[in-house]
Amino acid sequence: MSKLQAFQSLARVYIADENLTVLESTIHQIASQLHFHYE
């Protein structure tokens, strides 16, 4: 499991009550920002 996958799994559980479409968008935004930190 990659660091990103682990983060996504944690985020899905932690923010389970949020709208999933918004959550997916947020994850992709965060992932794009983290990309350069986890090459």
C-alpha atoms as a PDB file:
ATOM      1  CA  MET A   1       0.000   0.000   0.000  1.00  0.00           C
ATOM      2  CA  SER A   2       1.420   3.365  -1.007  1.00  0.00           C
ATOM      3  CA  LYS A   3       1.499   6.325   1.342  1.00  0.00           C
ATOM      4  CA  LEU A   4      -1.236   7.961  -0.728  1.00  0.00           C
ATOM      5  CA  GLN A   5      -3.485   4.894  -0.527  1.00  0.00           C
ATOM      6  CA  ALA A   6      -2.977   4.738   3.230  1.00  0.00           C
ATOM      7  CA  PHE A   7      -3.879   8.419   3.494  1.00  0.00           C
ATOM      8  CA  GLN A   8      -6.982   7.969   1.334  1.00  0.00           C
ATOM      9  CA  SER A   9      -8.163   5.052   3.472  1.00  0.00           C
ATOM     10  CA  LEU A  10      -7.637   7.042   6.662  1.00  0.00           C
ATOM     11  CA  ALA A  11      -9.351  10.102   5.212  1.00  0.00           C
ATOM     12  CA  ARG A  12     -12.368   8.044   4.117  1.00  0.00           C
ATOM     13  CA  VAL A  13     -12.811   6.670   7.635  1.00  0.00           C
ATOM     14  CA  TYR A  14     -12.041   9.924   9.439  1.00  0.00           C
ATOM     15  CA  ILE A  15     -14.396  12.030   7.327  1.00  0.00           C
ATOM     16  CA  ALA A  16     -17.017   9.332   6.782  1.00  0.00           C
ATOM     17  CA  ASP A  17     -19.909  11.790   7.192  1.00  0.00           C
ATOM     18  CA  GLU A  18     -18.685  14.182   4.501  1.00  0.00           C
ATOM     19  CA  ASN A  19     -20.022  14.143   0.941  1.00  0.00           C
ATOM     20  CA  LEU A  20     -17.888  11.583  -0.910  1.00  0.00           C
ATOM     21  CA  THR A  21     -17.635  13.676  -4.061  1.00  0.00           C
ATOM     22  CA  VAL A  22     -16.253  16.594  -2.062  1.00  0.00           C
ATOM     23  CA  LEU A  23     -13.936  14.222  -0.207  1.00  0.00           C
ATOM     24  CA  GLU A  24     -12.612  12.732  -3.447  1.00  0.00           C
ATOM     25  CA  SER A  25     -11.939  16.232  -4.771  1.00  0.00           C
ATOM     26  CA  THR A  26     -10.181  17.211  -1.550  1.00  0.00           C
ATOM     27  CA  ILE A  27      -8.040  14.052  -1.617  1.00  0.00           C
ATOM     28  CA  HIS A  28      -6.975  14.746  -5.195  1.00  0.00           C
ATOM     29  CA  GLN A  29      -6.120  18.351  -4.326  1.00  0.00           C
ATOM     30  CA  ILE A  30      -4.056  17.263  -1.309  1.00  0.00           C
ATOM     31  CA  ALA A  31      -2.423  14.468  -3.302  1.00  0.00           C
ATOM     32  CA  SER A  32      -1.347  16.909  -6.008  1.00  0.00           C
ATOM     33  CA  GLN A  33       0.237  19.080  -3.333  1.00  0.00           C
ATOM     34  CA  LEU A  34       1.939  16.122  -1.625  1.00  0.00           C
ATOM     35  CA  HIS A  35       3.217  14.614  -4.872  1.00  0.00           C
ATOM     36  CA  PHE A  36       6.510  16.470  -4.757  1.00  0.00           C
ATOM     37  CA  HIS A  37       7.115  15.495  -1.141  1.00  0.00           C
ATOM     38  CA  TYR A  38       6.715  11.753  -1.759  1.00  0.00           C
ATOM     39  CA  GLU A  39       8.494  10.977  -5.004  1.00  0.00           C
END
